[in-house]
Protein backbone atom coordinates (compact mmCIF):
# COMPACT_ATOMS: atom_id res chain seq x y z
CA LEU A 1 132.07 84.73 29.82
CA ASN A 2 133.84 85.94 32.93
CA LYS A 3 135.04 82.38 33.60
CA LEU A 4 137.21 82.70 30.51
CA HIS A 5 139.23 85.43 32.24
CA TYR A 6 141.99 82.79 32.21
CA PHE A 7 142.52 83.66 28.56
CA ARG A 8 141.69 87.36 28.78
CA ARG A 9 144.81 88.68 30.42
CA SER A 10 147.90 90.45 29.14
CA GLY A 11 150.37 87.61 29.48
CA VAL A 12 153.75 88.56 30.83
CA GLN A 13 152.72 92.14 31.70
CA HIS A 14 156.06 93.90 31.50
CA LEU A 15 155.05 97.14 29.76
CA PHE A 16 155.43 100.47 31.50
CA LEU A 17 154.31 102.73 28.68
CA GLN A 18 152.47 106.02 28.98
CA GLY A 19 150.35 107.95 26.51
CA VAL A 20 149.65 105.11 24.09
CA ALA A 21 145.92 104.69 24.65
CA PRO A 22 144.07 104.54 21.31
CA ASN A 23 141.47 107.06 20.27
CA ARG A 24 138.63 106.59 17.83
CA GLU A 25 140.42 108.20 14.92
CA THR A 26 143.58 106.14 15.18
CA GLN A 27 141.63 102.94 15.80
CA GLN A 28 139.83 103.37 12.48
CA ARG A 29 143.05 103.72 10.48
CA LYS A 30 144.86 100.66 9.25
CA PRO A 31 148.51 100.70 10.45
CA GLU A 32 151.16 101.32 7.79
CA LEU A 33 154.86 100.60 7.65
CA ILE A 34 157.23 103.28 8.90
CA PRO A 35 157.89 105.64 5.94
CA SER A 36 160.81 104.63 3.72
CA GLY A 37 162.87 107.73 4.55
CA LYS A 38 162.76 106.97 8.26
CA LEU A 39 163.38 103.27 7.63
CA SER A 40 166.53 104.12 5.71
CA MET A 41 167.83 105.98 8.77
CA VAL A 42 167.14 102.91 10.92
CA ARG A 43 168.85 100.60 8.43
CA THR A 44 171.90 102.88 8.33
CA THR A 45 172.32 102.57 12.10
CA MET A 46 171.89 98.79 11.79
CA GLU A 47 174.59 98.58 9.10
CA GLU A 48 176.96 100.67 11.20
CA ASN A 49 176.11 98.59 14.30
CA PHE A 50 175.06 101.77 16.14
CA LEU A 51 172.72 100.04 18.63
CA GLU A 52 171.69 103.13 20.56
CA GLY A 53 170.78 104.89 17.31
CA THR A 54 168.73 101.91 16.10
CA LEU A 55 166.78 101.75 19.36
CA HIS A 56 166.34 105.53 19.55
CA PHE A 57 165.03 105.94 16.00
CA LEU A 58 162.67 102.97 16.25
CA SER A 59 161.31 104.17 19.61
CA ASP A 60 160.51 107.52 17.97
CA PHE A 61 159.16 106.13 14.70
CA VAL A 62 156.93 103.34 16.03
CA SER A 63 153.41 104.56 16.77
CA ARG A 64 149.87 103.29 16.53
CA GLN A 65 149.82 104.42 12.89
CA HIS A 66 153.27 103.13 11.92
CA CYS A 67 154.82 99.70 12.51
CA PRO A 68 158.25 98.31 11.56
CA PRO A 69 158.59 95.52 8.96
CA LYS A 70 159.10 91.94 10.12
CA GLU A 71 162.83 91.95 9.27
CA ILE A 72 163.43 94.87 11.64
CA ILE A 73 161.73 93.01 14.49
CA SER A 74 163.76 89.92 13.66
CA HIS A 75 166.94 92.02 13.74
CA LEU A 76 166.07 93.39 17.20
CA ILE A 77 165.60 89.84 18.48
CA ARG A 78 168.43 87.96 16.79
CA GLN A 79 171.15 90.60 16.52
CA ILE A 80 170.63 92.59 19.72
CA LEU A 81 168.45 90.88 22.36
CA LEU A 82 170.17 87.51 21.95
CA ASN A 83 173.73 88.82 22.00
CA PRO A 84 175.77 89.54 25.16
CA TYR A 85 175.46 93.31 25.20
CA GLN A 86 175.20 95.56 28.25
CA VAL A 87 172.14 94.95 30.41
CA GLU A 88 170.78 98.42 29.63
CA ILE A 89 170.88 97.70 25.88
CA LEU A 90 169.08 94.38 26.37
CA LYS A 91 166.37 95.92 28.53
CA ASP A 92 165.85 98.83 26.12
CA THR A 93 165.55 96.35 23.25
CA TYR A 94 163.05 94.27 25.20
CA MET A 95 160.94 97.32 26.05
CA LEU A 96 160.96 98.41 22.41
CA LEU A 97 159.84 94.94 21.31
CA MET A 98 157.07 95.02 23.89
CA LYS A 99 155.98 98.48 22.75
CA ILE A 100 155.76 97.20 19.17
CA GLN A 101 153.88 94.14 20.41
CA MET A 102 151.35 96.22 22.31
CA LEU A 103 150.69 98.63 19.43
CA HIS A 104 150.95 96.02 16.65
CA PRO A 105 150.47 92.50 18.08
CA ALA A 106 152.33 89.82 16.11
CA ASN A 107 150.40 87.20 14.20
CA ALA A 108 151.45 84.01 12.41
CA ALA A 109 152.56 86.03 9.37
CA THR A 110 154.46 88.82 11.15
CA VAL A 111 156.01 87.13 14.20
CA GLY A 112 159.76 87.78 14.37
CA TRP A 113 160.89 84.49 15.97
CA ASP A 114 160.50 80.83 15.07
CA TRP A 115 160.72 77.54 16.96
CA THR A 116 164.21 76.74 15.68
CA LEU A 117 165.51 79.95 17.24
CA LEU A 118 163.65 79.38 20.51
CA LYS A 119 164.93 75.80 20.79
CA TYR A 120 168.49 76.89 20.10
CA ILE A 121 168.40 79.64 22.72
CA MET A 122 166.75 77.47 25.39
CA GLU A 123 169.40 74.79 24.94
CA ASP A 124 172.39 77.06 24.23
CA GLN A 125 175.29 76.32 26.58
CA GLU A 126 176.54 79.90 26.31
CA LYS A 127 173.36 81.12 28.05
CA PRO A 128 172.91 84.54 26.38
CA PRO A 129 171.96 87.05 29.10
CA GLY A 130 168.85 88.15 27.24
CA ARG A 131 167.25 84.71 26.97
CA LEU A 132 164.77 85.27 29.82
CA LEU A 133 163.65 88.53 28.20
CA PHE A 134 163.38 86.65 24.91
CA LEU A 135 161.26 83.89 26.48
CA GLN A 136 159.00 86.52 28.07
CA TYR A 137 158.59 88.18 24.68
CA VAL A 138 157.82 84.83 23.02
CA VAL A 139 155.11 84.02 25.58
CA GLN A 140 153.68 87.54 25.24
CA THR A 141 153.32 87.14 21.47
CA LEU A 142 151.72 83.71 21.92
CA GLU A 143 149.35 85.03 24.58
CA ASP A 144 148.22 88.17 22.72
CA ASP A 145 147.66 86.33 19.46
CA PHE A 146 145.87 83.48 21.25
CA GLN A 147 143.45 85.90 22.92
CA GLN A 148 142.80 87.80 19.71
CA ASN A 149 142.03 84.63 17.75
CA LEU A 150 139.94 83.28 20.62
CA ARG A 151 137.71 86.36 20.40
CA LEU A 152 137.39 85.79 16.65
CA ARG A 153 137.00 82.02 17.14
CA LEU A 154 139.93 81.47 14.76
CA LEU A 155 142.43 79.61 16.91
CA GLN A 156 143.43 77.56 13.86
CA LYS A 157 145.13 80.72 12.51
CA SER A 158 147.07 81.51 15.70
CA ILE A 159 150.82 81.39 16.28
CA ALA A 160 150.17 78.75 18.95
CA LYS A 161 148.48 76.49 16.39
CA LYS A 162 151.60 76.81 14.25
CA VAL A 163 154.14 76.02 16.98
CA LEU A 164 152.33 74.37 19.94
CA SER A 165 149.70 72.14 18.38
CA CYS A 166 149.55 68.61 19.76
CA ASP A 167 148.00 67.58 16.44
CA THR A 168 150.60 68.96 14.03
CA CYS A 169 153.87 69.69 15.90
CA PHE A 170 153.90 67.60 19.05
CA ASN A 171 157.71 67.47 19.12
CA ASN A 172 157.68 71.16 20.04
CA VAL A 173 155.44 70.40 23.02
CA ARG A 174 157.89 67.67 24.04
CA ASP A 175 160.63 70.31 23.96
CA VAL A 176 158.64 72.49 26.35
CA VAL A 177 158.17 69.55 28.74
CA GLU A 178 161.89 68.78 28.71
CA TRP A 179 162.82 72.45 29.33
CA LEU A 180 160.30 72.59 32.16
CA VAL A 181 161.64 69.46 33.88
CA ALA A 182 165.18 70.81 33.52
CA ALA A 183 164.15 74.17 35.01
CA VAL A 184 162.45 72.43 37.96
CA THR A 185 165.29 70.01 38.72
CA GLY A 186 168.22 72.17 37.61
CA VAL A 187 169.65 69.15 35.77
CA GLY A 188 170.93 69.75 32.25
CA PHE A 189 169.08 73.02 31.87
CA SER A 190 171.91 74.67 29.93
CA GLN A 191 173.22 71.59 28.13
CA PRO A 192 173.12 72.01 24.33
CA GLN A 193 171.71 69.41 22.01
CA GLU A 194 172.54 68.90 18.35
CA GLN A 195 171.26 71.85 16.35
CA PRO A 196 170.87 72.38 12.61
CA GLN A 197 174.30 73.40 11.32
CA GLU A 198 172.97 76.45 9.49
CA MET A 199 171.28 77.71 12.68
CA THR A 200 174.42 77.31 14.77
CA SER A 201 176.65 78.95 12.19
CA SER A 202 174.29 81.86 11.55
CA LEU A 203 174.10 82.80 15.22
CA ALA A 204 177.84 82.30 15.61
CA ASP A 205 178.47 84.55 12.61
CA ALA A 206 176.14 87.17 14.03
CA ARG A 207 178.00 87.12 17.33
CA ALA A 208 181.37 87.37 15.60
CA GLU A 209 180.14 90.22 13.41
CA HIS A 210 179.32 92.37 16.44
CA SER A 211 182.32 91.43 18.55
CA SER A 212 184.49 94.50 17.81
CA SER A 213 182.37 97.65 17.69
CA ALA A 214 179.33 97.11 19.91
CA PRO A 215 179.19 97.65 23.67
CA ARG A 216 179.50 94.26 25.41
CA LEU A 217 179.29 93.04 28.94
CA ALA A 218 182.68 92.91 30.62
CA SER A 219 184.04 89.40 31.10
CA ALA A 220 183.39 89.62 34.83
CA ASP A 221 179.76 90.51 34.15
CA GLN A 222 178.71 87.65 31.88
CA ALA A 223 175.78 86.90 34.18
CA GLU A 224 172.12 86.52 33.41
CA VAL A 225 169.99 89.63 33.38
CA ALA A 226 168.15 87.83 36.19
CA PRO A 227 169.75 85.91 39.11
CA PRO A 228 169.87 82.11 38.58
CA ALA A 229 167.17 81.24 41.15
CA PHE A 230 164.77 83.87 39.84
CA PHE A 231 165.59 82.84 36.27
CA ALA A 232 164.63 79.20 36.90
CA GLN A 233 161.39 80.17 38.68
CA LYS A 234 160.37 82.61 35.97
CA VAL A 235 161.20 80.13 33.21
CA MET A 236 159.09 77.53 35.00
CA LEU A 237 156.03 79.81 35.04
CA LEU A 238 156.47 80.86 31.42
CA LEU A 239 156.83 77.27 30.22
CA GLN A 240 153.77 76.22 32.21
CA ARG A 241 151.85 78.94 30.40
CA MET A 242 153.04 77.54 27.09
CA LEU A 243 151.80 74.07 28.09
CA SER A 244 148.39 75.45 29.06
CA ILE A 245 148.13 77.09 25.62
CA ALA A 246 149.17 73.79 24.00
CA VAL A 247 146.31 72.06 25.83
CA GLU A 248 143.73 74.54 24.54
CA VAL A 249 144.77 75.43 20.99
CA ASP A 250 143.45 72.27 19.29
CA LYS A 251 139.83 71.17 19.05
CA SER A 252 140.07 68.56 21.83
CA PRO A 253 141.71 69.74 25.08
CA ASN A 254 140.91 66.31 26.51
CA CYS A 255 143.03 64.51 23.89
CA SER A 256 145.81 67.09 24.05
CA SER A 257 146.06 66.90 27.83
CA CYS A 258 146.26 63.09 27.64
CA LYS A 259 149.13 63.28 25.14
CA ILE A 260 151.06 65.83 27.19
CA ALA A 261 150.46 63.98 30.47
CA ASP A 262 151.83 60.78 28.90
CA VAL A 263 155.05 62.65 28.07
CA ILE A 264 155.38 64.26 31.50
CA PHE A 265 154.57 61.09 33.47
CA PRO A 266 157.99 59.31 33.23
CA PHE A 267 159.72 62.57 34.18
CA ILE A 268 157.57 63.20 37.26
CA LEU A 269 158.22 59.65 38.50
CA ASN A 270 161.96 60.31 38.50
CA ILE A 271 162.08 63.80 39.99
CA PRO A 272 164.00 63.06 43.21
CA LEU A 273 162.82 65.78 45.61
CA ARG A 274 159.34 66.38 46.92
CA SER A 275 159.84 70.14 46.77
CA GLN A 276 160.60 69.85 43.05
CA ARG A 277 157.56 67.67 42.38
CA GLU A 278 155.36 70.11 44.26
CA ALA A 279 156.82 73.05 42.33
CA PHE A 280 156.09 71.25 39.06
CA LEU A 281 152.49 70.42 39.98
CA ASN A 282 151.58 73.61 41.85
CA THR A 283 152.73 75.89 39.03
CA MET A 284 150.81 73.95 36.38
CA GLU A 285 148.29 76.38 34.90
CA SER A 286 146.10 73.89 33.09
CA GLN A 287 143.76 72.24 35.59
CA LEU A 288 142.87 69.62 32.99
CA LEU A 289 146.51 68.69 32.39
CA ARG A 290 147.22 68.50 36.13
CA CYS A 291 144.14 66.30 36.53
CA LYS A 292 145.33 63.90 33.81
CA LEU A 293 148.87 63.77 35.19
CA LEU A 294 147.80 63.07 38.78
CA GLU A 295 145.36 60.43 37.58
CA LEU A 296 148.24 58.67 35.80
CA LEU A 297 150.38 58.97 38.91
CA PHE A 298 147.79 57.40 41.19
CA GLN A 299 146.78 54.75 38.67
CA HIS A 300 150.44 53.74 38.44
CA SER A 301 150.73 53.40 42.21
CA CYS A 302 147.53 51.35 42.71
CA ASP A 303 148.02 47.83 44.00
CA VAL A 304 144.98 46.81 41.93
CA PRO A 305 144.51 49.23 38.97
CA THR A 306 140.95 50.25 38.13
CA THR A 307 139.26 50.86 34.78
CA LEU A 308 136.83 53.42 36.21
CA PRO A 309 136.73 56.79 34.41
CA LEU A 310 137.95 59.67 36.53
CA SER A 311 135.25 60.57 39.03
CA LEU A 312 134.76 61.12 42.75
CA ALA A 313 134.40 57.35 43.18
CA LYS A 314 137.74 56.78 41.45
CA ILE A 315 139.47 59.39 43.62
CA LEU A 316 138.10 57.61 46.71
CA TYR A 317 139.38 54.34 45.22
CA PHE A 318 142.85 55.88 44.95
CA LEU A 319 142.72 56.75 48.65
CA ASN A 320 142.42 53.11 49.64
CA HIS A 321 144.53 51.42 46.95
CA SER A 322 147.53 53.67 46.27
CA SER A 323 150.97 53.04 47.60
CA VAL A 324 153.92 55.42 47.29
CA LEU A 325 156.11 54.69 44.28
CA LEU A 326 157.85 58.04 43.78
CA GLN A 327 161.61 58.45 43.75
CA TYR A 328 163.24 59.83 46.89
CA GLN A 329 166.77 61.13 47.07
CA ASP A 330 167.04 60.71 50.80
CA GLU A 331 165.67 58.47 53.52
CA THR A 332 162.10 59.62 54.02
CA ALA A 333 159.82 58.29 56.72
CA THR A 334 156.82 56.29 55.50
CA TRP A 335 154.34 58.72 57.01
CA GLN A 336 155.94 61.58 55.03
CA ARG A 337 155.33 59.66 51.85
CA TRP A 338 151.70 59.17 52.83
CA ASP A 339 151.58 62.88 53.60
CA GLU A 340 152.71 63.70 50.06
CA MET A 341 150.22 61.23 48.60
CA LEU A 342 147.32 62.85 50.48
CA GLN A 343 148.44 66.29 49.35
CA TYR A 344 148.36 65.19 45.71
CA LEU A 345 145.00 63.51 46.21
CA SER A 346 143.55 66.82 47.44
CA LEU A 347 145.16 68.55 44.46
CA LEU A 348 143.57 66.00 42.12
CA LEU A 349 140.17 66.53 43.71
CA MET A 350 140.38 70.33 43.37
CA SER A 351 141.56 70.07 39.76
CA TYR A 352 138.78 67.62 38.94
CA GLN A 353 136.23 69.98 40.41
CA ASN A 354 137.47 72.78 38.15
CA VAL A 355 137.45 70.48 35.12
CA ILE A 356 133.81 69.57 35.74
CA LEU A 357 132.43 72.96 36.78
CA GLU A 358 134.20 74.95 34.04
CA HIS A 359 133.66 72.46 31.17
CA LEU A 360 137.42 72.18 30.63
CA ARG A 361 137.15 68.99 28.57
CA SER A 362 135.30 70.91 25.86
CA SER A 363 137.04 73.06 23.25
CA LEU A 364 137.23 76.78 23.98
CA ASN A 365 134.63 77.61 21.34
CA ASP A 366 132.20 75.04 22.76
CA ARG A 367 133.04 76.19 26.27
CA MET A 368 132.04 79.74 25.50
CA ASP A 369 128.69 78.49 24.22
CA LEU A 370 128.18 76.31 27.30
CA ILE A 371 128.89 79.26 29.60
CA ILE A 372 126.53 81.54 27.64
CA GLN A 373 123.83 78.87 27.90
CA LYS A 374 124.58 78.41 31.62
CA ALA A 375 124.85 74.68 30.99
CA LYS A 376 125.01 72.40 33.99
CA PRO A 377 128.28 70.51 34.63
CA LYS A 378 128.44 67.11 32.94
CA LEU A 379 128.93 64.60 35.75
CA GLN A 380 130.17 61.01 35.57
CA ASP A 381 128.28 58.05 37.01
CA GLY A 382 130.99 57.75 39.66
CA ASP A 383 130.32 61.30 40.89
CA ASP A 384 127.13 60.14 42.61
CA ILE A 385 128.59 59.39 46.05
CA ASN A 386 127.21 60.33 49.45
CA HIS A 387 128.67 61.45 52.76
CA LEU A 388 128.58 57.92 54.18
CA ASP A 389 130.77 56.64 51.30
CA ILE A 390 133.32 59.32 52.09
CA GLU A 391 133.42 58.61 55.83
CA LEU A 392 133.73 54.86 55.34
CA LYS A 393 136.61 55.17 52.85
CA ILE A 394 138.50 57.58 55.10
CA GLU A 395 138.04 55.29 58.11
CA ASP A 396 139.31 52.36 56.03
CA PHE A 397 142.37 54.37 55.05
CA ILE A 398 143.09 55.29 58.68
CA SER A 399 142.78 51.65 59.75
CA GLN A 400 145.05 50.35 56.98
CA THR A 401 147.78 52.95 57.39
CA GLN A 402 147.86 52.64 61.17
CA GLN A 403 148.63 48.97 60.72
CA VAL A 404 151.50 49.84 58.36
CA LEU A 405 152.90 52.65 60.49
CA GLY A 406 152.44 50.83 63.77
CA GLN A 407 152.12 54.14 65.62
CA PRO A 408 149.61 56.93 66.20
CA PHE A 409 148.92 59.11 63.20
CA PRO A 410 151.17 62.17 62.85
CA LEU A 411 149.30 65.47 63.08
CA GLN A 412 150.15 66.38 59.46
CA ILE A 413 148.40 63.23 58.19
CA MET A 414 145.26 63.96 60.19
CA GLU A 415 145.19 67.56 58.95
CA LYS A 416 145.39 66.44 55.33
CA LEU A 417 142.70 63.82 55.87
CA CYS A 418 140.42 66.48 57.36
CA MET A 419 141.07 68.72 54.37
CA LEU A 420 140.36 65.87 51.95
CA ARG A 421 137.11 65.06 53.75
CA GLU A 422 135.99 68.70 53.57
CA LEU A 423 136.81 68.91 49.85
CA PHE A 424 134.75 65.79 49.15
CA LEU A 425 131.84 67.14 51.18
CA ILE A 426 131.99 70.49 49.38
CA PHE A 427 131.97 68.79 45.99
CA THR A 428 129.11 66.43 46.80
């Protein structure tokens, strides 16, 4: 089962807590709500908008034996973390939420956020300074709950099934793709879209309610908690994690990855800079999704499309029949476009190898059984190629491209061809 380490990690990993390791006695007790007397103290500070008091009392009262009710968690998120308070207040709120999450992981019934809130915050033009912390918290709750339900083989009861299922709520997955493209390109990332009127008014009312008495950021300090460049990079990684969960949460990762790749494909064709395309593809966590997307990309650029299923033979076919049909913002030499194509071909080959060797087309439950049984990889008919096939195809590519370029091959092209040859030989 060690190959499933991909889903055995702690997600965002932003906790710096000491002295919270469980012991046998506390593990056997079922957690209870914080006693009513203590909760009344917390609610008093909330009514009086005494943020420091709310955070202080909750930090003291939350333990492995006692957890806050869902409405308290929702208050921390909506009324404090997502309002423009001082950075210290936002970070303290985030750490408290993460402490609660570690001691009492959220599930589909207790989670304190919903997709409407996430969508509003991700597309809010006002850019609340705590939105990166909020996104980290969202991914942490998804990750922890996903892992717990994976161990129990109950992914159908997970938060991810409720909000990221390609079978039941594919529009949410489309949202993630659009946010990811915007984060990669920097185009329209903060532009709002039409939101439900009640959602807009409720958040606006909440902001107005706290405008007089709570500590706010000074007008000159209305910046993100994180710098813009770091913010975009971190958002990219977090959204890629959400897409990888979306691929795996339903019974057929193969079908889910096809659906998501179909949505991403038009976007990737129109990303203008190579550096942005590479950032998009290299940060993609799901090897299966990257495989599907690159297959679509190469199939689209083939002069004569093929009906072969994805295999080593099809990847070799792409080498000899693909042209370069990506968008370029500037004048780029032809050999540089071939260079990018060869880089993506190597990426496709490596992703395909992982898909085959780690049974990534199978559901996670089936995959665990296959790994326990030490099942052999399921190969396609087109995977039966030999070293001579590889050498001949590479020589054909060199001959064809030299005619197009009309000059000796640049060193970068030869290096990528050598790498591609070695990857093929390793696989075969």
